[in-house]
Amino acid sequence: MNAPHWIAGAWVGMPSVDSIDPAIGEAIGQFADGGVPEADAAIAAARHVFDRTTWAQDARLRQDVLLAWATALDAQREPLATLLTRENGKAIAQSLGEIAGAISEVRYYAGLARHIAGHALEPEPGTFSTMLREAAGVTGIIVPWNAPAVLLVRSLAPALAAGCTAIVKPAAQTTLLTAAMLRCFEETSLPKGAVNLVNETGYAVGERLVESHDVDVVSFTGSTATGKKIMAAAADSMKKLSLELGGKSCCLVFEDSDIADIAPRLAKAATIISGQQCTAARRVLVHASRAAEMREHLTRALDSLGVGSGIVASTDIGALIDRAARDAIDETIGRACDMADRVLLRGKRSGNAFLSPTLVEHSDPKAFFCQEEIFGPFVTLETFDSEEQAIAKANDTVFGLSASVWTHDGARAFRVARALRNGTVWINDHNKLFAEAETGGYRQSGLGRLHGYDALADFTEIKHICISAGVIDDVTALR
């Protein structure tokens, strides 16, 4: 499969850059490499549809388009999942789940498209205030490679439901999958130019979307460092930003927990997408009285996970996104192992881009490997002696994306969840995400929320229309 750009309803540009299967290091297709001219053309197309058509006002059309897109994606569910695994390397079961989740999310926002509610009130006698939630305008969506299907949809679907138009800039590693998903719009009545795709290997397109005064919103998922650069570059245009950034998820395991049952679940949560997910379990904090059991069971659980080609159904951990990323992550893990109090399991490289899990135990939460997001199959084990200490250690971070609490004590579970400075806290679970439930981060884990009804806030503006009844001749206008 090849992926040209998609601008104003036309597929343009000559595919010339290889997309590589990280499991085998071979090309599976090519994509076109764009720059500022293509970005400007896509912005102009999106701007025209937003400014010169009724797209933003026609909620029924937007719902029809989203429902038809979901149907078209559903018809391609298995081919899309296979393509996702071949481009990204993740286990096929995870790819199938991701495509299913993306389709579910499109349908969810299709349902909301016809109910973007405002409100009205009478703040003083004879004065009526109406608050309307209107589409913010043209949206630039910068999609990462780790979950390219659902992370595309969770920005694009609410943007379209709200009445925005969009330019999608995919990660170079997963351009074919993004193009295949957007190609399904051809089976809908989407206006030409309402959604556009511009591929690139560099940064010029992304920078143009962020800096352009004709782009009203930028939605980005990725690293905190890049998120900070986007905030700085967007300052001149004062555009709306929706940013989901890095995380260092803590799992707090209390003394009443069933360690033998929990450890395999934590191992899966830590190695989802080969550890390349921002909400993956990174730090396991266990009560000191249960530390010995956790060492044994978590080491065994991580060591038992099958590493191999994502296309094989029995694979638990597929390839990392590419060889260079694998080698860089392994080098960082090596430095962590040199500094850790104890290395319980040391992962090994294999094949083109495979890496098995590493587990270290450490007492100092200030260590770099307890603080920095290491985007691979790497887990730290730490202990605590009290609830207060567990909370303090978990909150000792610049991040605040997600965490989990493991206990049978309901009062403690809710108390600790409230005390943790994270946008999502799971109780006796980890990495459970829904289209209906908002996600997003505190502190340096981002701005805004995606998924759920509140995601519409990132793609809308609130307009206050104030009417004084005493100065209107025709009072029937208020009825």
Protein backbone atom coordinates (compact mmCIF):
# COMPACT_ATOMS: atom_id res chain seq x y z
CA MET A 1 0.00 0.00 0.00
CA ASN A 2 1.12 3.56 -0.73
CA ALA A 3 0.08 6.81 0.97
CA PRO A 4 0.01 10.08 -0.97
CA HIS A 5 -1.19 13.28 0.70
CA TRP A 6 -4.96 13.90 0.76
CA ILE A 7 -5.71 17.56 0.15
CA ALA A 8 -9.07 19.10 -0.81
CA GLY A 9 -10.43 15.64 -1.59
CA ALA A 10 -7.61 14.61 -3.96
CA TRP A 11 -4.75 12.17 -3.39
CA VAL A 12 -1.61 14.06 -4.45
CA GLY A 13 2.15 13.66 -4.27
CA MET A 14 4.39 10.80 -5.28
CA PRO A 15 5.03 8.19 -2.54
CA SER A 16 8.79 7.88 -2.25
CA VAL A 17 9.65 7.08 1.37
CA ASP A 18 9.59 3.51 2.66
CA SER A 19 7.40 2.51 5.60
CA ILE A 20 9.26 -0.23 7.50
CA ASP A 21 7.90 -3.27 9.32
CA PRO A 22 9.93 -3.11 12.57
CA ALA A 23 9.66 -6.85 13.16
CA ILE A 24 11.66 -7.70 10.02
CA GLY A 25 13.18 -4.37 8.96
CA GLU A 26 11.65 -4.50 5.48
CA ALA A 27 9.52 -2.00 3.55
CA ILE A 28 5.79 -2.69 3.31
CA GLY A 29 4.85 0.39 1.28
CA GLN A 30 5.73 4.00 0.60
CA PHE A 31 4.39 7.42 1.51
CA ALA A 32 4.73 10.92 0.08
CA ASP A 33 7.03 13.31 1.93
CA GLY A 34 5.49 16.77 2.30
CA GLY A 35 6.52 20.19 3.51
CA VAL A 36 5.29 23.75 3.85
CA PRO A 37 3.58 23.97 0.41
CA GLU A 38 1.47 20.90 1.12
CA ALA A 39 0.70 22.12 4.63
CA ASP A 40 -0.44 25.50 3.30
CA ALA A 41 -2.63 23.86 0.67
CA ALA A 42 -4.26 21.64 3.29
CA ILE A 43 -4.82 24.56 5.66
CA ALA A 44 -6.42 26.57 2.83
CA ALA A 45 -8.73 23.66 1.96
CA ALA A 46 -9.82 23.21 5.58
CA ARG A 47 -10.24 26.96 5.99
CA HIS A 48 -12.47 27.15 2.90
CA VAL A 49 -14.80 24.40 4.10
CA PHE A 50 -15.08 25.94 7.55
CA ASP A 51 -15.59 29.53 6.40
CA ARG A 52 -17.55 29.07 3.14
CA THR A 53 -19.82 26.05 3.67
CA THR A 54 -22.50 25.05 6.17
CA TRP A 55 -20.42 22.17 7.56
CA ALA A 56 -20.05 23.79 11.00
CA GLN A 57 -23.82 24.38 11.27
CA ASP A 58 -25.10 21.11 9.80
CA ALA A 59 -25.08 18.70 12.74
CA ARG A 60 -27.10 16.06 10.93
CA LEU A 61 -24.63 15.95 8.05
CA ARG A 62 -21.75 15.61 10.51
CA GLN A 63 -23.49 12.74 12.28
CA ASP A 64 -24.19 10.99 8.97
CA VAL A 65 -20.55 11.35 7.93
CA LEU A 66 -19.22 9.96 11.21
CA LEU A 67 -21.63 7.02 11.17
CA ALA A 68 -20.73 6.19 7.57
CA TRP A 69 -17.02 6.47 8.40
CA ALA A 70 -17.47 4.03 11.30
CA THR A 71 -19.27 1.59 8.99
CA ALA A 72 -16.50 1.82 6.40
CA LEU A 73 -13.82 1.31 9.07
CA ASP A 74 -15.72 -1.67 10.46
CA ALA A 75 -15.77 -3.30 7.02
CA GLN A 76 -11.93 -3.02 6.98
CA ARG A 77 -11.42 -4.00 10.62
CA GLU A 78 -9.09 -6.98 10.09
CA PRO A 79 -7.00 -5.52 7.22
CA LEU A 80 -6.53 -2.33 9.24
CA ALA A 81 -5.43 -4.30 12.31
CA THR A 82 -2.94 -6.30 10.24
CA LEU A 83 -1.55 -3.12 8.69
CA LEU A 84 -1.27 -1.55 12.15
CA THR A 85 0.75 -4.50 13.43
CA ARG A 86 2.99 -4.52 10.37
CA GLU A 87 3.74 -0.79 10.63
CA ASN A 88 3.86 -0.47 14.40
CA GLY A 89 5.01 -3.93 15.53
CA LYS A 90 2.44 -4.41 18.30
CA ALA A 91 0.76 -7.74 19.01
CA ILE A 92 -2.16 -8.43 16.67
CA ALA A 93 -4.60 -8.85 19.57
CA GLN A 94 -3.76 -5.30 20.67
CA SER A 95 -4.18 -4.02 17.10
CA LEU A 96 -7.59 -5.65 16.78
CA GLY A 97 -8.60 -4.10 20.09
CA GLU A 98 -7.34 -0.69 19.02
CA ILE A 99 -9.26 -0.70 15.73
CA ALA A 100 -12.41 -1.82 17.57
CA GLY A 101 -11.92 0.97 20.10
CA ALA A 102 -11.44 3.54 17.34
CA ILE A 103 -14.67 2.47 15.60
CA SER A 104 -16.54 2.63 18.91
CA GLU A 105 -15.25 6.14 19.51
CA VAL A 106 -16.32 7.38 16.07
CA ARG A 107 -19.83 6.11 16.77
CA TYR A 108 -19.83 7.74 20.20
CA TYR A 109 -19.05 11.17 18.76
CA ALA A 110 -21.53 10.64 15.95
CA GLY A 111 -24.14 10.41 18.70
CA LEU A 112 -22.93 13.65 20.30
CA ALA A 113 -22.77 15.60 17.04
CA ARG A 114 -26.47 16.50 17.26
CA HIS A 115 -26.31 17.51 20.91
CA ILE A 116 -23.60 20.13 21.39
CA ALA A 117 -25.56 21.76 24.19
CA GLY A 118 -25.34 25.32 25.48
CA HIS A 119 -27.49 26.97 28.14
CA ALA A 120 -29.55 30.08 28.79
CA LEU A 121 -30.32 32.18 31.85
CA GLU A 122 -31.84 35.50 32.95
CA PRO A 123 -29.09 37.14 35.03
CA GLU A 124 -31.24 40.21 35.74
CA PRO A 125 -34.86 41.17 34.97
CA GLY A 126 -35.38 41.60 31.23
CA THR A 127 -31.87 40.46 30.28
CA PHE A 128 -31.42 37.08 28.68
CA SER A 129 -28.04 35.40 28.23
CA THR A 130 -27.60 32.51 25.83
CA MET A 131 -24.38 30.48 25.84
CA LEU A 132 -23.68 28.66 22.58
CA ARG A 133 -20.90 26.16 22.08
CA GLU A 134 -19.54 26.76 18.56
CA ALA A 135 -16.89 24.99 16.49
CA ALA A 136 -13.46 26.51 17.13
CA GLY A 137 -12.41 26.35 13.46
CA VAL A 138 -9.56 24.62 11.65
CA THR A 139 -7.81 21.92 13.68
CA GLY A 140 -4.30 20.57 13.23
CA ILE A 141 -4.02 17.01 14.52
CA ILE A 142 -0.52 15.61 15.11
CA VAL A 143 -0.78 11.85 15.60
CA PRO A 144 1.90 9.66 17.26
CA TRP A 145 2.94 6.20 16.15
CA ASN A 146 2.26 4.17 19.29
CA ALA A 147 -1.55 3.97 19.00
CA PRO A 148 -2.17 5.68 15.66
CA ALA A 149 -5.75 4.47 15.13
CA VAL A 150 -7.34 5.41 18.43
CA LEU A 151 -5.18 8.51 18.92
CA LEU A 152 -6.25 9.77 15.50
CA VAL A 153 -9.91 9.15 16.22
CA ARG A 154 -10.00 10.59 19.73
CA SER A 155 -9.01 13.98 18.27
CA LEU A 156 -10.57 13.84 14.81
CA ALA A 157 -13.97 12.46 15.85
CA PRO A 158 -14.79 15.16 18.45
CA ALA A 159 -13.34 17.83 16.17
CA LEU A 160 -15.68 16.81 13.32
CA ALA A 161 -18.62 16.28 15.68
CA ALA A 162 -18.15 19.85 16.93
CA GLY A 163 -18.06 21.24 13.39
CA CYS A 164 -14.34 21.80 12.94
CA THR A 165 -12.34 20.93 9.83
CA ALA A 166 -8.95 19.26 10.09
CA ILE A 167 -5.46 18.66 8.80
CA VAL A 168 -3.94 15.38 9.99
CA LYS A 169 -0.16 15.04 10.29
CA PRO A 170 0.67 11.38 11.04
CA ALA A 171 3.87 9.98 12.45
CA ALA A 172 6.17 8.87 9.64
CA GLN A 173 6.31 5.34 11.08
CA THR A 174 2.53 4.77 10.75
CA THR A 175 1.53 6.87 7.76
CA LEU A 176 0.10 3.94 5.79
CA LEU A 177 -2.37 3.08 8.56
CA THR A 178 -3.50 6.70 8.90
CA ALA A 179 -4.01 7.01 5.14
CA ALA A 180 -5.97 3.75 5.04
CA MET A 181 -8.30 5.00 7.77
CA LEU A 182 -8.86 8.37 6.11
CA ARG A 183 -9.44 6.68 2.75
CA CYS A 184 -12.61 5.24 4.30
CA PHE A 185 -14.05 8.78 4.24
CA GLU A 186 -14.44 8.31 0.49
CA GLU A 187 -17.49 6.21 1.29
CA THR A 188 -19.15 9.12 3.10
CA SER A 189 -20.56 12.53 2.19
CA LEU A 190 -17.69 14.39 3.83
CA PRO A 191 -17.13 17.73 2.01
CA LYS A 192 -13.89 17.78 0.05
CA GLY A 193 -11.26 19.49 2.17
CA ALA A 194 -13.03 19.03 5.52
CA VAL A 195 -10.32 16.49 6.40
CA ASN A 196 -6.85 16.57 4.89
CA LEU A 197 -3.71 14.45 5.27
CA VAL A 198 -0.14 15.70 4.92
CA ASN A 199 2.71 13.25 5.51
CA GLU A 200 6.30 14.13 6.33
CA THR A 201 9.56 12.68 7.53
CA GLY A 202 10.72 15.92 9.17
CA TYR A 203 9.10 18.71 11.17
CA ALA A 204 8.12 21.45 8.71
CA VAL A 205 4.46 20.41 8.39
CA GLY A 206 3.95 20.08 12.13
CA GLU A 207 5.63 23.43 12.73
CA ARG A 208 3.43 25.10 10.10
CA LEU A 209 0.25 23.77 11.74
CA VAL A 210 1.38 25.06 15.11
CA GLU A 211 2.50 28.50 13.91
CA SER A 212 -0.21 29.28 11.33
CA HIS A 213 -2.80 31.90 12.26
CA ASP A 214 -5.27 30.07 9.99
CA VAL A 215 -5.20 27.04 12.32
CA ASP A 216 -7.39 27.60 15.37
CA VAL A 217 -6.68 24.42 17.37
CA VAL A 218 -3.76 22.02 17.62
CA SER A 219 -4.29 18.58 19.13
CA PHE A 220 -1.06 16.74 19.89
CA THR A 221 -0.22 13.49 21.66
CA GLY A 222 3.44 12.86 22.41
CA SER A 223 6.33 13.77 24.65
CA THR A 224 6.29 16.55 27.22
CA ALA A 225 9.39 18.09 25.64
CA THR A 226 7.64 18.43 22.27
CA GLY A 227 4.47 19.67 23.97
CA LYS A 228 6.43 22.52 25.55
CA LYS A 229 7.83 23.49 22.13
CA ILE A 230 4.32 23.50 20.70
CA MET A 231 3.08 25.78 23.48
CA ALA A 232 5.91 28.24 22.79
CA ALA A 233 5.41 28.19 19.00
CA ALA A 234 1.63 28.62 19.32
CA ALA A 235 1.91 31.67 21.58
CA ASP A 236 1.82 34.23 18.78
CA SER A 237 -1.49 32.99 17.38
CA MET A 238 -2.95 32.19 20.86
CA LYS A 239 -4.62 29.09 19.42
CA LYS A 240 -6.36 26.47 21.54
CA LEU A 241 -4.17 23.54 22.50
CA SER A 242 -5.13 19.99 23.37
CA LEU A 243 -2.03 18.19 24.62
CA GLU A 244 -1.68 14.70 26.05
CA LEU A 245 1.94 14.33 27.01
CA GLY A 246 4.21 12.03 29.00
CA GLY A 247 3.45 9.87 31.99
CA LYS A 248 5.10 7.75 34.67
CA SER A 249 2.21 5.70 35.97
CA CYS A 250 2.47 4.40 39.53
CA CYS A 251 0.64 1.29 40.73
CA LEU A 252 0.12 1.37 44.51
CA VAL A 253 -0.30 -2.17 45.87
CA PHE A 254 -1.47 -2.35 49.49
CA GLU A 255 -0.93 -5.13 52.00
CA ASP A 256 -4.40 -6.67 51.60
CA SER A 257 -3.87 -7.38 47.89
CA ASP A 258 -3.62 -10.80 46.22
CA ILE A 259 -0.08 -10.48 44.85
CA ALA A 260 -0.17 -13.71 42.83
CA ASP A 261 -3.26 -12.48 41.00
CA ILE A 262 -2.14 -8.88 40.55
CA ALA A 263 1.44 -9.44 39.31
CA PRO A 264 0.52 -10.91 35.89
CA ARG A 265 -1.95 -8.07 35.35
CA LEU A 266 0.71 -5.49 36.19
CA ALA A 267 3.14 -7.23 33.83
CA LYS A 268 0.62 -6.91 30.98
CA ALA A 269 -0.09 -3.27 31.91
CA ALA A 270 3.63 -2.49 31.90
CA THR A 271 4.33 -4.05 28.51
CA ILE A 272 1.30 -2.93 26.49
CA ILE A 273 2.57 -1.83 23.03
CA SER A 274 5.97 -3.15 24.19
CA GLY A 275 5.91 -0.53 26.96
CA GLN A 276 5.38 2.27 24.41
CA GLN A 277 2.16 3.66 25.91
CA CYS A 278 2.02 6.82 28.02
CA THR A 279 -0.32 5.19 30.57
CA ALA A 280 1.70 1.95 30.84
CA ALA A 281 2.51 0.79 34.37
CA ARG A 282 6.00 2.20 34.98
CA ARG A 283 6.45 2.12 38.78
CA VAL A 284 5.07 -0.59 41.06
CA LEU A 285 4.91 0.59 44.68
CA VAL A 286 4.16 -2.27 47.05
CA HIS A 287 3.72 -2.35 50.82
CA ALA A 288 6.99 -3.47 52.40
CA SER A 289 5.30 -6.45 54.07
CA ARG A 290 4.49 -7.91 50.63
CA ALA A 291 7.67 -6.92 48.79
CA ALA A 292 9.19 -10.40 48.73
CA GLU A 293 6.07 -11.87 47.11
CA MET A 294 5.92 -9.08 44.55
CA ARG A 295 9.57 -9.58 43.62
CA GLU A 296 8.94 -13.25 42.94
CA HIS A 297 5.60 -13.02 41.16
CA LEU A 298 6.27 -9.89 39.07
CA THR A 299 9.67 -11.18 37.91
CA ARG A 300 8.10 -14.48 36.90
CA ALA A 301 5.16 -12.78 35.16
CA LEU A 302 7.37 -10.44 33.11
CA ASP A 303 9.79 -13.21 32.21
CA SER A 304 6.96 -15.45 30.96
CA LEU A 305 5.66 -12.97 28.38
CA GLY A 306 6.26 -14.07 24.81
CA VAL A 307 8.36 -11.74 22.65
CA GLY A 308 8.10 -12.04 18.88
CA SER A 309 6.37 -11.01 15.69
CA GLY A 310 3.14 -9.19 16.38
CA ILE A 311 1.40 -11.09 13.59
CA VAL A 312 1.71 -14.32 15.61
CA ALA A 313 -1.42 -14.66 17.76
CA SER A 314 0.46 -15.94 20.83
CA THR A 315 2.82 -12.93 20.99
CA ASP A 316 2.56 -10.75 24.10
CA ILE A 317 5.31 -8.22 23.28
CA GLY A 318 5.95 -7.24 19.68
CA ALA A 319 8.74 -5.19 18.17
CA LEU A 320 9.50 -1.67 19.32
CA ILE A 321 8.79 0.97 16.70
CA ASP A 322 12.24 0.65 15.08
CA ARG A 323 15.78 -0.58 15.68
CA ALA A 324 17.14 2.86 16.62
CA ALA A 325 14.46 3.35 19.28
CA ARG A 326 15.06 -0.16 20.63
CA ASP A 327 18.80 0.42 20.92
CA ALA A 328 18.40 3.83 22.57
CA ILE A 329 15.88 2.47 25.10
CA ASP A 330 18.12 -0.51 25.88
CA GLU A 331 21.07 1.81 26.47
CA THR A 332 18.99 3.90 28.90
CA ILE A 333 17.83 0.73 30.66
CA GLY A 334 21.46 -0.33 30.96
CA ARG A 335 22.29 2.91 32.79
CA ALA A 336 19.31 2.34 35.09
CA CYS A 337 20.48 -1.19 35.86
CA ASP A 338 23.92 0.14 36.79
CA MET A 339 22.36 2.52 39.33
CA ALA A 340 19.50 0.41 40.72
CA ASP A 341 19.64 -1.24 44.14
CA ARG A 342 18.80 -4.60 42.55
CA VAL A 343 18.24 -5.93 39.04
CA LEU A 344 15.52 -8.56 39.23
CA LEU A 345 15.22 -9.19 35.48
CA ARG A 346 17.37 -7.85 32.64
CA GLY A 347 15.79 -7.69 29.21
CA LYS A 348 17.61 -8.79 26.08
CA ARG A 349 17.69 -7.51 22.51
CA SER A 350 16.74 -9.79 19.67
CA GLY A 351 15.86 -9.58 15.99
CA ASN A 352 15.49 -6.24 14.27
CA ALA A 353 13.73 -4.32 17.07
CA PHE A 354 12.72 -6.68 19.89
CA LEU A 355 13.44 -6.13 23.58
CA SER A 356 12.27 -8.29 26.49
CA PRO A 357 11.26 -6.73 29.84
CA THR A 358 13.54 -5.40 32.57
CA LEU A 359 12.57 -5.09 36.25
CA VAL A 360 14.71 -3.24 38.79
CA GLU A 361 14.18 -2.50 42.47
CA HIS A 362 15.16 0.87 43.91
CA SER A 363 14.54 2.86 47.09
CA ASP A 364 15.08 6.43 45.89
CA PRO A 365 12.16 7.86 43.85
CA LYS A 366 14.44 10.72 42.76
CA ALA A 367 16.53 8.41 40.56
CA PHE A 368 16.33 9.38 36.89
CA PHE A 369 14.71 6.08 35.93
CA CYS A 370 11.96 6.63 38.51
CA GLN A 371 11.33 10.14 37.23
CA GLU A 372 11.84 10.05 33.44
CA GLU A 373 9.50 8.31 31.01
CA ILE A 374 11.39 5.36 29.51
CA PHE A 375 9.33 4.34 26.49
CA GLY A 376 9.88 0.61 26.52
CA PRO A 377 9.40 -2.58 28.59
CA PHE A 378 11.03 -1.28 31.78
CA VAL A 379 9.51 -1.39 35.29
CA THR A 380 10.73 -0.24 38.69
CA LEU A 381 9.71 -1.87 41.97
CA GLU A 382 9.61 0.31 45.08
CA THR A 383 8.27 -0.20 48.60
CA PHE A 384 6.35 1.88 51.13
CA ASP A 385 5.53 1.54 54.82
CA SER A 386 2.36 3.64 55.09
CA GLU A 387 -0.45 5.06 53.02
CA GLU A 388 0.99 8.55 53.43
CA GLN A 389 4.39 7.45 52.18
CA ALA A 390 2.85 5.67 49.20
CA ILE A 391 0.99 8.82 48.17
CA ALA A 392 4.07 11.00 48.67
CA LYS A 393 6.25 8.72 46.54
CA ALA A 394 3.63 8.45 43.78
CA ASN A 395 3.15 12.23 43.65
CA ASP A 396 6.90 12.92 43.61
CA THR A 397 7.00 13.49 39.84
CA VAL A 398 6.44 16.21 37.24
CA PHE A 399 3.88 13.97 35.52
CA GLY A 400 0.24 13.36 36.38
CA LEU A 401 -1.34 11.27 33.66
CA SER A 402 -2.50 8.05 35.32
CA ALA A 403 -2.09 5.73 38.30
CA SER A 404 -3.74 2.71 39.86
CA VAL A 405 -4.61 1.64 43.41
CA TRP A 406 -4.81 -2.02 44.40
CA THR A 407 -6.67 -2.84 47.62
CA HIS A 408 -9.85 -4.50 48.90
CA ASP A 409 -10.48 -1.61 51.30
CA GLY A 410 -13.04 0.57 49.50
CA ALA A 411 -12.59 3.61 51.75
CA ARG A 412 -8.82 3.50 51.34
CA ALA A 413 -9.11 3.03 47.56
CA PHE A 414 -11.22 6.17 47.15
CA ARG A 415 -9.17 8.16 49.66
CA VAL A 416 -5.89 7.36 47.90
CA ALA A 417 -7.39 7.93 44.44
CA ARG A 418 -8.45 11.43 45.51
CA ALA A 419 -4.99 12.15 46.93
CA LEU A 420 -3.11 11.16 43.77
CA ARG A 421 -2.36 14.04 41.39
CA ASN A 422 -3.35 12.21 38.20
CA GLY A 423 -5.97 12.70 35.51
CA THR A 424 -7.01 9.03 35.66
CA VAL A 425 -6.83 6.67 38.63
CA TRP A 426 -7.91 3.06 38.27
CA ILE A 427 -8.88 0.94 41.27
CA ASN A 428 -7.89 -2.74 41.01
CA ASP A 429 -7.24 -2.32 37.29
CA HIS A 430 -4.89 -0.48 34.93
CA ASN A 431 -5.12 0.85 31.36
CA LYS A 432 -8.89 0.55 31.14
CA LEU A 433 -9.99 3.25 28.67
CA PHE A 434 -13.39 4.10 27.21
CA ALA A 435 -14.69 6.44 24.52
CA GLU A 436 -17.18 7.73 27.09
CA ALA A 437 -14.66 8.55 29.86
CA GLU A 438 -12.37 11.56 29.66
CA THR A 439 -8.59 11.14 29.90
CA GLY A 440 -5.85 13.71 30.26
CA GLY A 441 -3.08 14.81 32.56
CA TYR A 442 -2.27 17.00 35.50
CA ARG A 443 0.90 19.08 35.58
CA GLN A 444 3.39 18.29 32.78
CA SER A 445 1.24 15.48 31.40
CA GLY A 446 -0.78 17.91 29.33
CA LEU A 447 -3.69 20.27 28.77
CA GLY A 448 -7.35 19.51 28.09
CA ARG A 449 -9.18 16.21 27.97
CA LEU A 450 -9.82 13.65 25.24
CA HIS A 451 -12.52 10.99 25.09
CA GLY A 452 -15.91 11.67 26.66
CA TYR A 453 -18.20 14.66 26.37
CA ASP A 454 -15.63 17.09 27.76
CA ALA A 455 -13.36 16.42 24.77
CA LEU A 456 -15.69 18.69 22.81
CA ALA A 457 -14.39 21.60 24.92
CA ASP A 458 -11.00 21.31 23.21
CA PHE A 459 -12.62 21.89 19.80
CA THR A 460 -15.28 24.48 20.64
CA GLU A 461 -15.59 28.06 21.81
CA ILE A 462 -18.36 29.36 24.08
CA LYS A 463 -20.20 32.39 22.72
CA HIS A 464 -22.32 34.55 25.01
CA ILE A 465 -25.23 36.27 23.26
CA CYS A 466 -26.87 38.83 25.55
CA ILE A 467 -30.34 40.23 24.78
CA SER A 468 -31.99 43.07 26.70
CA ALA A 469 -35.73 42.64 26.23
CA GLY A 470 -36.52 46.28 26.93
CA VAL A 471 -34.77 47.52 23.79
CA ILE A 472 -36.27 45.00 21.37
CA ASP A 473 -39.37 46.22 19.58
CA ASP A 474 -40.56 42.80 18.53
CA VAL A 475 -40.66 40.71 21.69
CA THR A 476 -41.67 37.69 19.61
CA ALA A 477 -37.97 37.47 18.67
CA LEU A 478 -37.32 36.09 22.14
CA ARG A 479 -39.81 33.24 21.76
